[in-house]
Every structure is written in C-alpha cells, then in structure tokens.
C-alpha cells in the first residue's frame, strides 16, 4: 500500500513540484495551502506523513503540529522552514515533529528524510499477556533494543524527546545521572536510534582502570609495549570504529589519558600504546558522569577543553524518586521481563506492594528496582508478589511513611529495644550505621565504604539489629 503524504504550505509552486516528485517516487500526495485547510484535510482522511511549513499565512506551523498530534500521535510530522535555526528545531521536535528541513528544498533530501521516518521506529508498544498490565489493558512503550521503557511521567517524556532530537546527529553527548538511572541503556538507545545502529556499540567503565590500563583499553597496545603485553591488542576506539563509544564515569580518567583522548577527538587519529603507526577512526562518543563535568574542570579534576568537546549536547537522567508516576509501569515492565527470564507466570502485585514501591525513595534507582522485582519473582511460587518477599528497607520505609513518623527521604529502621549496659557498644554501632545510611540516602555500597566494612557485613549487622 502506498504511503500517503499531506503537504501544507502556502507556496503554490513548491507544493505542486514537490507533490509531483513524491508521486513519481511511489507516494500518494495531497496539498493544502493554509493551516486551516491542512487541518481540515487531515481530519477528513488518513495520512502517514505531514510535511508542514513553519511559516503559514493564517496560523503558525507549530499550531498545526500540535493539532495533528492531538488527533493522531502516531502521524509523522516533518516541519519545513526557511530559518535554519537550532532553537526552531528544538521547539518543533519537543512538540513531536520527527525532523525539520530547510528551504530551498532539495527533493532528494526530502525523500531521504521521509524514508528515514518510515523506517523501523525506535520504539515499540508492548502489551504483556500476563501480570497486571494485561488485566488493566495498559500498555507500555519500549525502545527497539527492548531495554528502555519510555515512561509517561513528565520528566520521562522530556528525556525521550531529547533522545529523539539528538539521536540522528553525530553530536558528542554527556549523560548526567545518579547510579542506577540507566545511563548505559540510554547511550545504547541513542546508538540504536542513529545512523550508526548497524555498527558496533562499545562501552567502557573508566572508574575501575589505572592510568596504564586505561590507555591500553582505549587505544590498544603493541606487543612488548609494557610488562605483560605479550600480543598486539585492539583498543575500544578500534572496536567501535564507525559506531559509538560509551565512556562511563569519565571523570576518573587521568589528566594524561584525557589529553590523549582530546587529541583523538580533534584529529580522528590515534596510536596504540607503544606503537608508531597512526590509525584513522570515526567514532561517536557518549560519556556519563555522576559529577557535573563543568564543576569537575573548575576543581581541576577534568580538562576544560575536553569538557567543551564533549558538551555538544547534555541529557540529565532523572532519579526514580522524581518520576513516581512511572513506577507502576516499571514494576510491570520488570515483572514481564523476569517472568520470561525465569519461565514463570507471576500474576502481579498485592495492592500494598505497589503502594510501597511508590512511597520508597529508591536510592539505587532503576537498577535497584529491577533487582527487587527479580528477587521477588524468584521467591514467589505463584499468584501475586506480596510484601513478605520485599527487602526490609522497602517495607520499613512504608511503615514509617504510613504512620507519619518519617517521610520517604528520611527513612531509617526502627531502633533496637531497650538495651542494658553491656550492649551499649552495640547500640553505639547501630546508631553509627543508621546515621551513615541516612546521610548517603540508604546507598548501602557507599555506607559500607564510609564504615570501612564490606557490603555483606553491613547487611548482616542490619539483620541482627532488626531482630532485637
């Protein structure tokens, strides 16, 4: 079936020429010479794509875009403008436009944009067959890689619009977000939504590498470059050539490695560690950091020139506590994935469980949420997930919130019962542990580091205090 295109533009000659060209390319094309006529035609018939001029005589093209999206959110809208202005592009794409093209129009370029728009979408609507979603007839939208849920909360919608804006470009991107907010998943989604999607996506965690190892991992090395270099090795830049390189916790790279990285970005060439041959490379770089890179360079921890190279576009990933409206969707999404993973058929959640999820502060964000659901599904033999299989910090959080003792951001466990003198040391230890947990927003990994104990020891101590 031929795809139907509606052209809305007050330039009669342009409409005629473009419509004839699109018909020759195998499309059906209708034209309207004003905003009101275009909206009327759209309401009367179905169109796969609308090409709409930004400057129309009777109304603004943005108004037309909004009206079309209200009528049918799935319609692809491409804005035509004589103003090559990034602000205009951002504005119309935030309102739901797929892309924008500037005048004078080149017919082949218009067709290229249309073909790109009609290619496989970067999102897919999923309606699970089990769990509360199926019963409530509620669907969720995920990315093509099936790892990223496109939520409906206001902050989530804004996040996804930014991804749509930047994915088709070659801009370097900085992703900011707390641990567990899904920075690598977002980076992969951007890659798979880009023109590089058929090329490699390579991820590297910069937080665990020494200066020597970081250079080898990024650029590779030649045999004999250092002790232990018994063979030539490809680095991440070589492996990602033509595709996308994701650098997580980039502020942990040494100044020396940062300088080498800057040279690669500027010249698109690099040498393996210990090598003399220069290699050409074409890589899009996405970096992630818990710390604001602008603050980092002001503190002398990060090169300012490298920051400006990376900062062509930045995206802030909101923590889960700021997008509570998405929590039921994520609960269903993780449940559906875990049911498939474990070959189970858990039906959903008890009502109090969903209340606990919504009220909990989620210091570990989506990573913590996913692990909580996976654990709960594993421990639930059949039926629905109950609060009995949830971690103590979630159930305690809800108890304190419900009784009004504390708000979700200030949750601490109930103190031990009255202790005699010989237990004073234990009580002091308890107070110290709980104060540290509160200070780090119940991030048990950070708390264990501050207390100079391992995470398992911290868990064991918490369980002991819970039994007192």
Protein backbone atom coordinates (compact mmCIF):
# COMPACT_ATOMS: atom_id res chain seq x y z
CA UNK A 1 0.00 0.00 0.00
CA UNK A 2 1.30 3.43 -0.95
CA UNK A 3 2.18 5.79 1.88
CA UNK A 4 0.03 8.92 1.95
CA UNK A 5 1.64 12.34 2.41
CA UNK A 6 -0.05 15.68 3.09
CA UNK A 7 1.89 18.84 2.14
CA UNK A 8 0.81 22.02 3.94
CA UNK A 9 2.46 25.14 2.50
CA UNK A 10 1.26 28.50 1.18
CA UNK A 11 3.82 28.38 -1.66
CA UNK A 12 1.68 27.02 -4.51
CA UNK A 13 4.57 26.34 -6.91
CA UNK A 14 6.58 24.48 -4.32
CA UNK A 15 3.56 22.35 -3.36
CA UNK A 16 2.92 21.40 -6.98
CA UNK A 17 6.54 20.49 -7.74
CA UNK A 18 7.05 18.55 -4.52
CA UNK A 19 3.78 16.61 -4.83
CA UNK A 20 4.61 15.58 -8.42
CA UNK A 21 8.08 14.45 -7.36
CA UNK A 22 6.67 12.39 -4.45
CA UNK A 23 4.10 10.74 -6.75
CA UNK A 24 6.93 9.73 -9.12
CA UNK A 25 8.69 8.18 -6.09
CA UNK A 26 5.68 5.99 -5.35
CA UNK A 27 3.81 8.03 -2.74
CA UNK A 28 0.30 9.46 -2.73
CA UNK A 29 0.42 13.21 -2.15
CA UNK A 30 -2.23 15.79 -1.26
CA UNK A 31 -1.67 19.52 -0.80
CA UNK A 32 -3.21 22.27 1.31
CA UNK A 33 -2.26 25.94 1.02
CA UNK A 34 -3.17 27.10 4.51
CA UNK A 35 -3.10 25.80 8.07
CA UNK A 36 -6.90 25.62 8.37
CA UNK A 37 -7.27 23.73 5.09
CA UNK A 38 -4.46 21.37 6.05
CA UNK A 39 -6.06 20.56 9.41
CA UNK A 40 -9.42 20.04 7.70
CA UNK A 41 -7.90 17.63 5.17
CA UNK A 42 -6.09 15.76 7.91
CA UNK A 43 -9.34 15.34 9.84
CA UNK A 44 -11.12 14.03 6.76
CA UNK A 45 -8.58 11.38 5.75
CA UNK A 46 -5.62 9.33 6.94
CA UNK A 47 -2.02 10.38 6.21
CA UNK A 48 1.20 8.60 7.15
CA UNK A 49 3.29 11.79 6.94
CA UNK A 50 2.56 15.51 7.05
CA UNK A 51 5.06 17.97 5.57
CA UNK A 52 4.16 21.33 7.11
CA UNK A 53 5.67 24.78 6.54
CA UNK A 54 6.72 26.56 9.71
CA UNK A 55 5.51 29.96 8.47
CA UNK A 56 1.92 29.85 7.23
CA UNK A 57 -0.33 32.79 6.44
CA UNK A 58 -3.21 32.05 8.77
CA UNK A 59 -1.52 30.10 11.58
CA UNK A 60 1.87 29.07 12.88
CA UNK A 61 3.17 25.68 11.78
CA UNK A 62 3.65 24.77 15.45
CA UNK A 63 -0.11 25.10 15.95
CA UNK A 64 -0.72 22.70 13.07
CA UNK A 65 1.80 20.26 14.55
CA UNK A 66 0.04 20.31 17.93
CA UNK A 67 -3.40 19.79 16.33
CA UNK A 68 -2.16 16.84 14.26
CA UNK A 69 -0.52 15.18 17.23
CA UNK A 70 -3.69 15.62 19.26
CA UNK A 71 -5.70 13.87 16.53
CA UNK A 72 -3.19 11.09 15.89
CA UNK A 73 0.06 10.90 17.89
CA UNK A 74 1.43 8.24 15.50
CA UNK A 75 1.41 10.55 12.46
CA UNK A 76 4.88 11.57 11.34
CA UNK A 77 5.22 15.35 11.04
CA UNK A 78 8.18 16.97 9.27
CA UNK A 79 8.49 20.75 9.52
CA UNK A 80 9.64 22.84 6.53
CA UNK A 81 11.31 26.12 7.42
CA UNK A 82 13.32 28.85 5.74
CA UNK A 83 15.10 29.51 9.01
CA UNK A 84 18.00 27.19 9.79
CA UNK A 85 17.70 27.86 13.48
CA UNK A 86 18.56 25.26 16.15
CA UNK A 87 16.02 26.82 18.53
CA UNK A 88 13.26 26.29 15.96
CA UNK A 89 14.38 22.69 15.52
CA UNK A 90 14.39 22.02 19.24
CA UNK A 91 10.99 23.67 19.69
CA UNK A 92 9.21 21.68 16.97
CA UNK A 93 10.84 18.37 17.90
CA UNK A 94 9.87 18.87 21.53
CA UNK A 95 6.30 19.27 20.28
CA UNK A 96 6.51 15.93 18.48
CA UNK A 97 7.93 16.65 15.00
CA UNK A 98 10.09 13.86 13.59
CA UNK A 99 12.55 16.25 11.93
CA UNK A 100 12.81 19.58 10.14
CA UNK A 101 14.17 20.51 6.71
CA UNK A 102 15.19 23.94 5.47
CA UNK A 103 14.37 25.81 2.29
CA UNK A 104 15.23 25.85 -0.54
CA UNK A 105 14.02 22.25 -0.67
CA UNK A 106 16.05 19.64 -2.49
CA UNK A 107 13.56 16.89 -3.48
CA UNK A 108 16.00 14.01 -2.98
CA UNK A 109 16.82 15.23 0.53
CA UNK A 110 13.11 15.45 1.33
CA UNK A 111 12.67 11.84 0.21
CA UNK A 112 15.66 10.77 2.33
CA UNK A 113 14.05 12.29 5.43
CA UNK A 114 10.71 10.65 4.56
CA UNK A 115 12.36 7.24 4.10
CA UNK A 116 14.17 7.62 7.40
CA UNK A 117 10.90 8.49 9.12
CA UNK A 118 9.16 5.46 7.62
CA UNK A 119 11.98 3.09 8.59
CA UNK A 120 11.64 0.83 11.62
CA UNK A 121 10.60 3.01 14.57
CA UNK A 122 12.86 3.30 17.59
CA UNK A 123 10.01 2.41 19.91
CA UNK A 124 7.62 -0.50 20.15
CA UNK A 125 4.33 -0.78 22.02
CA UNK A 126 4.20 -3.88 24.21
CA UNK A 127 1.04 -5.37 25.73
CA UNK A 128 2.09 -8.23 28.03
CA UNK A 129 -0.05 -11.34 28.25
CA UNK A 130 0.47 -11.81 31.98
CA UNK A 131 0.52 -9.63 35.03
CA UNK A 132 -1.48 -6.56 36.00
CA UNK A 133 -0.93 -4.84 32.66
CA UNK A 134 -2.92 -7.49 30.81
CA UNK A 135 -5.77 -7.23 33.28
CA UNK A 136 -5.82 -3.44 33.24
CA UNK A 137 -5.41 -3.23 29.43
CA UNK A 138 -2.43 -0.96 29.95
CA UNK A 139 0.49 -0.99 27.52
CA UNK A 140 3.97 0.43 27.82
CA UNK A 141 6.40 1.64 25.17
CA UNK A 142 9.94 0.31 24.98
CA UNK A 143 12.96 1.03 22.80
CA UNK A 144 13.82 -1.17 19.85
CA UNK A 145 16.56 -2.83 21.91
CA UNK A 146 13.81 -3.81 24.41
CA UNK A 147 15.86 -2.47 27.32
CA UNK A 148 14.47 1.04 27.76
CA UNK A 149 10.93 1.78 28.89
CA UNK A 150 9.55 5.06 27.62
CA UNK A 151 7.64 6.27 30.66
CA UNK A 152 4.72 8.65 30.79
CA UNK A 153 5.84 10.88 33.66
CA UNK A 154 6.55 14.49 32.66
CA UNK A 155 10.33 14.26 33.22
CA UNK A 156 10.49 10.96 31.34
CA UNK A 157 8.65 12.37 28.33
CA UNK A 158 11.08 15.28 28.20
CA UNK A 159 14.02 12.86 28.39
CA UNK A 160 12.76 10.84 25.46
CA UNK A 161 12.15 13.92 23.34
CA UNK A 162 15.77 14.92 23.87
CA UNK A 163 16.88 11.46 22.78
CA UNK A 164 14.83 11.80 19.59
CA UNK A 165 16.38 15.21 18.90
CA UNK A 166 19.99 14.17 19.24
CA UNK A 167 19.98 10.53 18.09
CA UNK A 168 20.20 11.25 14.36
CA UNK A 169 23.13 13.67 14.77
CA UNK A 170 26.81 12.94 15.33
CA UNK A 171 26.96 15.18 18.42
CA UNK A 172 29.04 14.08 21.37
CA UNK A 173 26.78 13.71 24.40
CA UNK A 174 27.19 13.96 28.17
CA UNK A 175 24.75 11.89 30.24
CA UNK A 176 24.30 13.01 33.83
CA UNK A 177 22.55 10.89 36.41
CA UNK A 178 22.78 9.07 39.70
CA UNK A 179 23.99 5.49 39.88
CA UNK A 180 21.36 3.13 38.55
CA UNK A 181 19.42 5.63 36.43
CA UNK A 182 20.24 3.70 33.25
CA UNK A 183 22.94 5.79 31.59
CA UNK A 184 24.36 2.90 29.56
CA UNK A 185 20.87 1.84 28.46
CA UNK A 186 20.17 5.40 27.30
CA UNK A 187 23.51 5.52 25.46
CA UNK A 188 22.70 2.24 23.71
CA UNK A 189 19.23 3.50 22.83
CA UNK A 190 20.73 6.64 21.27
CA UNK A 191 23.14 4.48 19.28
CA UNK A 192 20.42 2.14 18.02
CA UNK A 193 18.29 5.14 17.03
CA UNK A 194 21.13 6.67 15.00
CA UNK A 195 22.60 6.17 11.54
CA UNK A 196 25.37 4.16 13.23
CA UNK A 197 23.00 1.49 14.53
CA UNK A 198 24.45 -1.24 12.30
CA UNK A 199 27.98 -0.55 13.58
CA UNK A 200 29.44 -1.50 16.99
CA UNK A 201 28.39 -0.06 20.34
CA UNK A 202 31.29 -0.38 22.79
CA UNK A 203 31.01 0.52 26.50
CA UNK A 204 33.92 1.17 28.86
CA UNK A 205 33.80 1.77 32.61
CA UNK A 206 36.52 4.31 33.35
CA UNK A 207 36.03 4.09 37.11
CA UNK A 208 37.99 0.88 37.64
CA UNK A 209 41.04 1.40 35.44
CA UNK A 210 44.57 2.55 36.27
CA UNK A 211 46.31 5.08 34.03
CA UNK A 212 48.32 2.35 32.27
CA UNK A 213 45.36 0.06 31.79
CA UNK A 214 43.07 2.90 30.64
CA UNK A 215 45.44 3.79 27.79
CA UNK A 216 45.62 0.18 26.65
CA UNK A 217 41.85 -0.29 26.88
CA UNK A 218 41.11 2.90 24.93
CA UNK A 219 43.81 2.81 22.27
CA UNK A 220 45.12 -0.75 22.32
CA UNK A 221 48.79 -1.67 22.56
CA UNK A 222 51.54 -3.37 20.59
CA UNK A 223 53.43 -6.43 21.71
CA UNK A 224 56.14 -5.51 24.23
CA UNK A 225 54.74 -2.05 25.00
CA UNK A 226 54.85 -2.87 28.72
CA UNK A 227 55.30 -5.82 31.01
CA UNK A 228 52.59 -8.35 30.23
CA UNK A 229 51.92 -7.08 26.70
CA UNK A 230 52.61 -10.41 25.06
CA UNK A 231 50.44 -9.74 21.99
CA UNK A 232 49.06 -6.83 19.99
CA UNK A 233 45.67 -5.73 21.28
CA UNK A 234 42.85 -3.71 19.75
CA UNK A 235 41.54 -0.87 21.89
CA UNK A 236 37.98 0.33 22.33
CA UNK A 237 38.40 3.01 19.66
CA UNK A 238 39.31 0.39 17.07
CA UNK A 239 36.49 -1.89 18.17
CA UNK A 240 33.95 0.96 18.00
CA UNK A 241 35.15 2.34 14.65
CA UNK A 242 32.15 3.52 12.66
CA UNK A 243 29.90 3.18 15.69
CA UNK A 244 29.56 4.59 19.19
CA UNK A 245 31.94 4.54 22.17
CA UNK A 246 30.35 4.96 25.61
CA UNK A 247 32.67 6.08 28.42
CA UNK A 248 31.11 5.71 31.87
CA UNK A 249 32.46 7.65 34.89
CA UNK A 250 34.73 9.62 32.57
CA UNK A 251 35.99 11.93 35.36
CA UNK A 252 38.08 9.03 36.65
CA UNK A 253 40.44 9.20 33.66
CA UNK A 254 43.85 10.66 34.45
CA UNK A 255 44.93 14.01 33.01
CA UNK A 256 47.40 12.24 30.74
CA UNK A 257 44.69 9.99 29.29
CA UNK A 258 42.36 12.98 28.97
CA UNK A 259 44.99 14.74 26.86
CA UNK A 260 45.33 11.70 24.59
CA UNK A 261 41.56 11.47 24.32
CA UNK A 262 41.33 15.13 23.31
CA UNK A 263 43.84 14.56 20.51
CA UNK A 264 41.83 11.61 19.15
CA UNK A 265 38.62 13.66 19.14
CA UNK A 266 40.29 16.61 17.40
CA UNK A 267 42.33 14.71 14.80
CA UNK A 268 40.32 11.48 14.46
CA UNK A 269 43.62 9.62 14.64
CA UNK A 270 45.39 7.64 17.37
CA UNK A 271 48.33 5.36 18.04
CA UNK A 272 48.32 2.16 20.02
CA UNK A 273 50.31 2.30 23.27
CA UNK A 274 53.91 1.64 22.30
CA UNK A 275 53.11 1.90 18.60
CA UNK A 276 54.21 4.34 15.90
CA UNK A 277 51.51 3.83 13.27
CA UNK A 278 48.65 6.32 13.23
CA UNK A 279 45.18 4.91 12.67
CA UNK A 280 42.13 6.78 11.40
CA UNK A 281 38.97 6.43 13.46
CA UNK A 282 35.34 7.55 13.11
CA UNK A 283 33.58 7.18 16.45
CA UNK A 284 30.71 8.99 18.11
CA UNK A 285 31.43 9.48 21.81
CA UNK A 286 28.87 9.43 24.62
CA UNK A 287 30.17 9.97 28.14
CA UNK A 288 28.48 9.62 31.51
CA UNK A 289 29.19 11.04 34.92
CA UNK A 290 27.64 11.30 38.36
CA UNK A 291 29.50 14.58 38.77
CA UNK A 292 28.87 17.73 36.74
CA UNK A 293 31.85 17.99 34.36
CA UNK A 294 31.75 21.78 34.50
CA UNK A 295 32.23 21.61 38.26
CA UNK A 296 34.94 18.98 37.74
CA UNK A 297 37.05 21.17 35.47
CA UNK A 298 36.63 24.14 37.81
CA UNK A 299 38.03 21.96 40.59
CA UNK A 300 40.95 20.93 38.38
CA UNK A 301 39.80 17.32 38.06
CA UNK A 302 38.92 17.47 34.37
CA UNK A 303 40.29 19.28 31.34
CA UNK A 304 38.17 22.26 30.33
CA UNK A 305 38.94 21.84 26.62
CA UNK A 306 37.87 18.18 26.76
CA UNK A 307 34.66 19.16 28.56
CA UNK A 308 33.78 21.57 25.75
CA UNK A 309 34.48 18.86 23.16
CA UNK A 310 32.07 16.51 24.92
CA UNK A 311 29.44 19.12 25.71
CA UNK A 312 27.77 19.37 22.30
CA UNK A 313 24.61 18.05 23.94
CA UNK A 314 23.84 17.01 27.52
CA UNK A 315 20.99 14.95 28.95
CA UNK A 316 20.04 14.73 32.61
CA UNK A 317 18.53 11.40 33.66
CA UNK A 318 16.04 11.99 36.47
CA UNK A 319 16.22 9.74 39.54
CA UNK A 320 13.32 7.35 40.01
CA UNK A 321 12.04 9.28 43.04
CA UNK A 322 11.36 12.22 40.70
CA UNK A 323 9.29 10.11 38.31
CA UNK A 324 6.96 8.24 40.64
CA UNK A 325 4.24 8.28 38.01
CA UNK A 326 6.33 5.74 36.06
CA UNK A 327 6.81 3.33 38.96
CA UNK A 328 3.74 1.15 38.16
CA UNK A 329 4.90 0.93 34.52
CA UNK A 330 8.42 -0.07 35.52
CA UNK A 331 7.04 -2.59 38.00
CA UNK A 332 5.05 -4.25 35.20
CA UNK A 333 7.93 -3.97 32.73
CA UNK A 334 10.40 -5.66 35.10
CA UNK A 335 7.81 -8.27 36.07
CA UNK A 336 7.14 -9.17 32.44
CA UNK A 337 10.86 -9.47 31.66
CA UNK A 338 11.53 -11.57 34.78
CA UNK A 339 8.59 -13.89 34.08
CA UNK A 340 10.13 -14.62 30.69
CA UNK A 341 13.63 -14.94 32.13
CA UNK A 342 12.58 -17.42 34.85
CA UNK A 343 9.80 -19.07 32.83
CA UNK A 344 7.23 -18.15 35.48
CA UNK A 345 3.75 -16.70 35.41
CA UNK A 346 3.54 -14.39 38.43
CA UNK A 347 0.26 -12.51 38.05
CA UNK A 348 1.15 -9.16 39.57
CA UNK A 349 1.48 -7.41 42.92
CA UNK A 350 -0.61 -7.15 46.06
CA UNK A 351 -2.03 -3.64 46.38
CA UNK A 352 0.15 -2.78 49.39
CA UNK A 353 3.28 -3.77 47.42
CA UNK A 354 2.60 -1.18 44.73
CA UNK A 355 2.00 1.40 47.49
CA UNK A 356 5.38 0.51 48.98
CA UNK A 357 7.06 0.86 45.60
CA UNK A 358 5.54 4.31 45.07
CA UNK A 359 6.49 5.59 48.53
CA UNK A 360 10.01 4.17 48.64
CA UNK A 361 12.86 6.56 47.83
CA UNK A 362 14.83 4.20 45.51
CA UNK A 363 18.42 5.33 46.23
CA UNK A 364 19.64 2.72 43.74
CA UNK A 365 17.14 3.91 41.12
CA UNK A 366 16.14 1.60 38.25
CA UNK A 367 18.93 -0.90 38.91
CA UNK A 368 17.70 -1.36 42.47
CA UNK A 369 14.07 -1.55 41.33
CA UNK A 370 14.85 -4.20 38.72
CA UNK A 371 16.75 -6.31 41.26
CA UNK A 372 13.95 -6.01 43.82
CA UNK A 373 11.40 -7.29 41.28
CA UNK A 374 13.69 -10.11 40.08
CA UNK A 375 14.26 -11.24 43.67
CA UNK A 376 10.53 -11.04 44.46
CA UNK A 377 9.57 -13.10 41.40
CA UNK A 378 12.17 -15.71 42.31
CA UNK A 379 10.82 -16.01 45.87
CA UNK A 380 7.14 -16.08 44.83
CA UNK A 381 5.99 -19.59 43.84
CA UNK A 382 2.73 -18.47 42.18
CA UNK A 383 0.00 -15.86 42.27
CA UNK A 384 0.92 -12.31 43.22
CA UNK A 385 4.01 -10.80 44.83
CA UNK A 386 3.43 -9.98 48.50
CA UNK A 387 5.30 -7.67 50.85
CA UNK A 388 6.82 -10.72 52.57
CA UNK A 389 9.36 -11.12 49.78
CA UNK A 390 10.44 -7.46 49.69
CA UNK A 391 13.69 -6.20 51.27
CA UNK A 392 13.41 -4.82 54.78
CA UNK A 393 14.28 -1.24 53.78
CA UNK A 394 11.24 -1.05 51.48
CA UNK A 395 8.75 -2.46 53.99
CA UNK A 396 10.19 -0.32 56.81
CA UNK A 397 10.04 2.75 54.60
CA UNK A 398 6.33 2.21 54.04
CA UNK A 399 5.61 1.58 57.72
CA UNK A 400 7.27 4.85 58.77
CA UNK A 401 5.62 6.81 55.97
CA UNK A 402 2.17 5.41 56.72
CA UNK A 403 2.47 6.22 60.43
CA UNK A 404 3.73 9.72 59.72
CA UNK A 405 6.97 9.25 61.63
CA UNK A 406 9.22 10.00 58.68
CA UNK A 407 8.93 10.94 55.04
CA UNK A 408 10.32 8.67 52.30
CA UNK A 409 13.57 10.65 52.07
CA UNK A 410 14.28 10.22 55.79
CA UNK A 411 13.60 6.54 56.31
CA UNK A 412 15.60 4.74 58.97
CA UNK A 413 14.98 1.41 60.62
CA UNK A 414 13.22 1.08 63.98
CA UNK A 415 15.73 1.36 66.82
CA UNK A 416 16.59 -1.66 68.94
CA UNK A 417 14.57 -2.27 72.06
CA UNK A 418 15.89 -1.19 75.47
CA UNK A 419 19.44 -2.41 75.94
CA UNK A 420 21.36 -2.99 79.15
CA UNK A 421 24.81 -1.56 79.82
CA UNK A 422 26.73 -4.44 78.30
CA UNK A 423 25.04 -3.71 74.97
CA UNK A 424 25.99 -0.03 74.93
CA UNK A 425 28.74 -0.67 72.39
CA UNK A 426 26.26 -2.43 70.12
CA UNK A 427 23.83 0.47 70.40
CA UNK A 428 26.57 2.95 69.53
CA UNK A 429 27.45 0.83 66.50
CA UNK A 430 23.79 0.71 65.50
CA UNK A 431 23.45 4.50 65.77
CA UNK A 432 26.58 5.00 63.68
CA UNK A 433 25.41 2.64 60.95
CA UNK A 434 21.94 4.16 60.74
CA UNK A 435 23.27 7.73 60.68
CA UNK A 436 25.64 6.88 57.83
CA UNK A 437 22.86 5.12 55.91
CA UNK A 438 20.67 8.17 56.30
CA UNK A 439 23.47 10.51 55.16
CA UNK A 440 24.01 8.53 51.94
CA UNK A 441 20.30 8.14 51.21
CA UNK A 442 20.44 4.43 52.07
CA UNK A 443 23.03 3.61 49.43
CA UNK A 444 24.47 0.56 51.17
CA UNK A 445 27.57 0.40 48.96
CA UNK A 446 28.55 3.95 49.90
CA UNK A 447 27.68 3.32 53.54
CA UNK A 448 29.90 0.23 53.62
CA UNK A 449 32.79 2.24 52.12
CA UNK A 450 32.41 5.01 54.72
CA UNK A 451 32.18 2.48 57.56
CA UNK A 452 35.17 0.57 56.12
CA UNK A 453 33.33 -2.75 56.09
CA UNK A 454 32.16 -4.86 53.18
CA UNK A 455 28.57 -4.80 51.98
CA UNK A 456 27.84 -8.32 53.23
CA UNK A 457 28.95 -7.40 56.76
CA UNK A 458 26.70 -4.35 56.65
CA UNK A 459 23.71 -6.48 55.62
CA UNK A 460 24.40 -8.96 58.41
CA UNK A 461 24.57 -6.22 61.03
CA UNK A 462 21.31 -4.69 59.80
CA UNK A 463 19.60 -8.08 60.07
CA UNK A 464 20.89 -8.52 63.62
CA UNK A 465 19.53 -5.13 64.67
CA UNK A 466 16.20 -5.88 63.04
CA UNK A 467 15.83 -8.95 65.26
CA UNK A 468 16.50 -7.07 68.52
